[in-house]
N, C-alpha and C. Protein backbone atom coordinates (compact mmCIF):
# COMPACT_ATOMS: atom_id res chain seq x y z
N MET A 1 -87.27 -34.41 -156.30
CA MET A 1 -85.98 -33.44 -156.10
C MET A 1 -86.30 -33.65 -153.87
N LYS A 2 -84.43 -33.76 -153.91
CA LYS A 2 -84.73 -33.87 -152.73
C LYS A 2 -83.89 -32.53 -152.25
N GLY A 3 -83.73 -31.99 -151.01
CA GLY A 3 -82.65 -30.87 -150.75
C GLY A 3 -83.51 -29.85 -149.51
N ASN A 4 -82.25 -29.08 -149.31
CA ASN A 4 -82.47 -28.64 -147.68
C ASN A 4 -83.41 -27.72 -148.01
N LEU A 5 -84.63 -27.50 -147.19
CA LEU A 5 -85.45 -26.10 -147.49
C LEU A 5 -85.76 -25.53 -146.02
N MET A 6 -85.66 -23.85 -146.59
CA MET A 6 -85.85 -22.78 -145.38
C MET A 6 -86.62 -22.62 -145.34
N SER A 7 -87.72 -22.50 -144.56
CA SER A 7 -89.07 -22.18 -144.06
C SER A 7 -89.14 -20.46 -144.72
N ALA A 8 -90.20 -20.03 -145.08
CA ALA A 8 -90.28 -18.63 -145.73
C ALA A 8 -90.39 -17.81 -143.96
N LEU A 9 -91.09 -18.06 -143.21
CA LEU A 9 -91.16 -17.88 -142.20
C LEU A 9 -89.88 -17.55 -141.26
N VAL A 10 -89.66 -16.26 -140.66
CA VAL A 10 -88.69 -16.13 -139.88
C VAL A 10 -88.81 -15.56 -138.57
N GLU A 11 -88.55 -16.28 -137.56
CA GLU A 11 -89.07 -16.23 -136.22
C GLU A 11 -87.99 -14.99 -135.68
N LEU A 12 -88.56 -13.89 -135.06
CA LEU A 12 -86.98 -12.73 -134.62
C LEU A 12 -87.99 -12.93 -133.14
N ASP A 13 -86.71 -12.68 -131.82
CA ASP A 13 -87.28 -12.30 -130.93
C ASP A 13 -87.21 -10.41 -130.63
N HIS A 14 -87.90 -10.26 -130.33
CA HIS A 14 -88.55 -9.18 -129.74
C HIS A 14 -87.80 -7.66 -129.35
N GLU A 15 -86.67 -8.25 -129.09
CA GLU A 15 -85.15 -6.55 -128.72
C GLU A 15 -84.83 -7.19 -130.47
N THR A 16 -85.16 -7.99 -130.90
CA THR A 16 -84.08 -7.79 -132.68
C THR A 16 -85.57 -6.78 -133.19
N MET A 17 -86.80 -7.44 -133.20
CA MET A 17 -87.77 -6.59 -134.10
C MET A 17 -88.09 -5.31 -134.20
N GLN A 18 -87.37 -4.75 -132.64
CA GLN A 18 -87.72 -3.45 -132.07
C GLN A 18 -86.20 -2.61 -132.59
N HIS A 19 -85.85 -3.65 -133.00
CA HIS A 19 -83.94 -2.87 -133.36
C HIS A 19 -84.19 -3.05 -134.86
N LEU A 20 -85.01 -3.56 -135.63
CA LEU A 20 -85.09 -3.15 -136.84
C LEU A 20 -86.47 -2.47 -137.50
N VAL A 21 -87.35 -1.86 -137.00
CA VAL A 21 -88.48 -1.18 -136.46
C VAL A 21 -88.43 0.10 -136.55
N ALA A 22 -86.89 0.28 -135.90
CA ALA A 22 -86.62 1.72 -134.63
C ALA A 22 -86.56 2.96 -135.77
N GLU A 23 -87.24 4.23 -135.22
CA GLU A 23 -87.35 4.97 -136.57
C GLU A 23 -86.12 5.83 -136.70
N VAL A 24 -85.01 5.71 -137.93
CA VAL A 24 -83.64 6.26 -137.91
C VAL A 24 -83.84 7.87 -138.25
N LYS A 25 -83.56 9.22 -137.49
CA LYS A 25 -83.25 10.17 -137.92
C LYS A 25 -82.38 10.53 -138.35
N GLU A 26 -82.48 10.84 -139.76
CA GLU A 26 -81.17 11.61 -140.72
C GLU A 26 -81.37 12.90 -140.48
N THR A 27 -80.01 12.84 -140.99
CA THR A 27 -79.88 14.83 -141.45
C THR A 27 -80.22 14.69 -142.73
N ILE A 28 -80.85 15.77 -143.42
CA ILE A 28 -80.98 16.56 -144.76
C ILE A 28 -79.57 17.22 -145.44
N ALA A 29 -79.49 16.70 -146.68
CA ALA A 29 -78.26 17.40 -147.36
C ALA A 29 -78.84 18.88 -147.19
N THR A 30 -78.32 19.80 -146.44
CA THR A 30 -79.03 21.40 -146.79
C THR A 30 -77.43 22.06 -148.17
N ASP A 31 -76.81 21.42 -148.30
CA ASP A 31 -75.79 22.71 -148.78
C ASP A 31 -75.62 22.24 -150.30
N LEU A 32 -76.54 20.97 -150.72
CA LEU A 32 -76.69 20.53 -152.30
C LEU A 32 -77.23 21.64 -152.59
N VAL A 33 -76.22 21.23 -153.91
CA VAL A 33 -76.73 22.89 -155.11
C VAL A 33 -77.30 21.72 -156.65
N LEU A 34 -78.50 21.70 -156.92
CA LEU A 34 -78.91 21.40 -157.84
C LEU A 34 -78.94 22.35 -159.33
N VAL A 35 -77.82 21.55 -159.88
CA VAL A 35 -77.44 21.92 -161.36
C VAL A 35 -79.26 21.83 -162.32
N LYS A 36 -79.47 23.17 -162.79
CA LYS A 36 -80.54 23.71 -163.38
C LYS A 36 -80.46 23.27 -164.19
N THR A 37 -81.52 23.04 -165.09
CA THR A 37 -81.39 22.75 -166.54
C THR A 37 -82.35 23.64 -167.58
N GLU A 38 -81.71 23.67 -168.82
CA GLU A 38 -82.67 24.44 -169.23
C GLU A 38 -83.97 23.76 -170.06
N PRO A 39 -84.93 24.20 -170.02
CA PRO A 39 -86.01 23.49 -170.48
C PRO A 39 -85.89 22.74 -172.38
N SER A 40 -86.18 22.26 -172.44
CA SER A 40 -86.02 21.50 -174.26
C SER A 40 -86.21 22.26 -175.47
N SER A 41 -85.22 22.31 -176.53
CA SER A 41 -85.41 23.27 -177.11
C SER A 41 -86.05 22.27 -178.71
N ILE A 42 -86.64 21.94 -178.29
CA ILE A 42 -87.90 21.09 -178.98
C ILE A 42 -88.95 20.74 -179.66
N LYS A 43 -89.40 21.96 -181.06
CA LYS A 43 -90.77 22.51 -181.37
C LYS A 43 -91.06 22.04 -181.91
N VAL A 44 -92.50 22.41 -182.61
CA VAL A 44 -93.55 21.88 -183.03
C VAL A 44 -92.93 21.19 -184.63
N VAL A 45 -92.00 21.94 -184.94
CA VAL A 45 -91.38 22.13 -186.59
C VAL A 45 -90.64 20.80 -186.53
N ASP A 46 -89.47 21.50 -185.45
CA ASP A 46 -88.36 20.07 -184.96
C ASP A 46 -89.14 18.68 -185.02
N LEU A 47 -90.34 18.45 -184.63
CA LEU A 47 -90.92 17.23 -184.56
C LEU A 47 -92.04 17.10 -186.05
N TRP A 48 -92.21 17.94 -186.58
CA TRP A 48 -92.81 17.96 -188.06
C TRP A 48 -91.96 17.21 -188.79
N LYS A 49 -90.69 18.26 -188.52
CA LYS A 49 -89.51 17.17 -189.63
C LYS A 49 -88.58 15.98 -189.16
N MET A 50 -89.34 15.19 -188.11
CA MET A 50 -88.40 14.11 -187.61
C MET A 50 -89.76 13.20 -188.08
N ASN A 51 -90.74 13.72 -188.53
CA ASN A 51 -92.09 12.64 -188.73
C ASN A 51 -92.56 12.59 -190.34
N LYS A 52 -91.46 13.64 -190.59
CA LYS A 52 -92.05 13.59 -192.49
C LYS A 52 -90.41 12.77 -192.91
N LYS A 53 -89.36 12.45 -192.12
CA LYS A 53 -88.13 12.16 -192.78
C LYS A 53 -88.33 10.27 -191.85
N ARG A 54 -89.17 10.40 -191.09
CA ARG A 54 -89.83 9.00 -190.76
C ARG A 54 -90.80 8.32 -192.00
N LYS A 55 -91.68 8.90 -191.97
CA LYS A 55 -92.43 8.58 -193.40
C LYS A 55 -91.73 8.67 -194.26
N SER A 56 -91.05 9.28 -194.95
CA SER A 56 -89.66 9.37 -196.13
C SER A 56 -88.79 7.86 -196.05
N ALA A 57 -88.39 7.36 -194.81
CA ALA A 57 -87.24 5.77 -194.75
C ALA A 57 -88.73 4.93 -194.73
N ILE A 58 -89.29 4.79 -194.33
CA ILE A 58 -90.73 3.85 -194.57
C ILE A 58 -90.91 3.39 -195.51
N ARG A 59 -90.99 4.90 -196.43
CA ARG A 59 -91.71 4.69 -198.14
C ARG A 59 -90.22 4.09 -198.78
N THR A 60 -89.04 4.67 -198.31
CA THR A 60 -87.73 4.20 -199.38
C THR A 60 -87.84 2.50 -198.68
N PHE A 61 -87.58 2.37 -197.50
CA PHE A 61 -87.67 0.68 -197.27
C PHE A 61 -88.25 -0.44 -198.07
N ALA A 62 -90.09 0.53 -197.76
CA ALA A 62 -91.28 -0.40 -198.57
C ALA A 62 -90.79 -0.96 -200.04
N HIS A 63 -90.37 -0.24 -200.19
CA HIS A 63 -89.85 0.13 -202.25
C HIS A 63 -88.88 -1.09 -202.27
N LYS A 64 -87.60 -0.63 -201.40
CA LYS A 64 -86.81 -1.99 -201.70
C LYS A 64 -87.60 -2.73 -201.08
N ARG A 65 -88.02 -3.28 -200.42
CA ARG A 65 -88.46 -4.90 -200.17
C ARG A 65 -89.02 -5.34 -201.31
N ASN A 66 -89.93 -3.98 -201.58
CA ASN A 66 -91.06 -4.64 -202.19
C ASN A 66 -90.62 -5.01 -204.37
N HIS A 67 -89.23 -4.43 -204.33
CA HIS A 67 -88.61 -4.53 -205.40
C HIS A 67 -88.14 -6.12 -205.84
N ILE A 68 -88.23 -6.64 -206.92
CA ILE A 68 -87.76 -7.76 -207.35
C ILE A 68 -87.03 -7.37 -208.65
N PRO A 69 -86.15 -7.73 -208.51
CA PRO A 69 -85.31 -7.66 -209.66
C PRO A 69 -85.22 -8.56 -210.40
N PHE A 70 -84.95 -7.85 -212.35
CA PHE A 70 -85.09 -8.70 -213.14
C PHE A 70 -83.79 -9.65 -213.42
N ILE A 71 -84.30 -11.09 -213.60
CA ILE A 71 -82.55 -12.08 -213.79
C ILE A 71 -82.37 -11.87 -215.06
């Protein structure tokens, strides 16, 4: 496999290196207003209901999968 390969190491002169690593002073957006979100309204009862539905669905599909129709 022949081709033109570039070296992974690139040599930069001192001036270019200093320009790349120079500290950049930026201003922070102080007038930004964050939207306050309400805490999650999910409760233990909701988790219990979801788990119950999941178990019921698994039981239903397992029953259908194991069911062999009579021919």
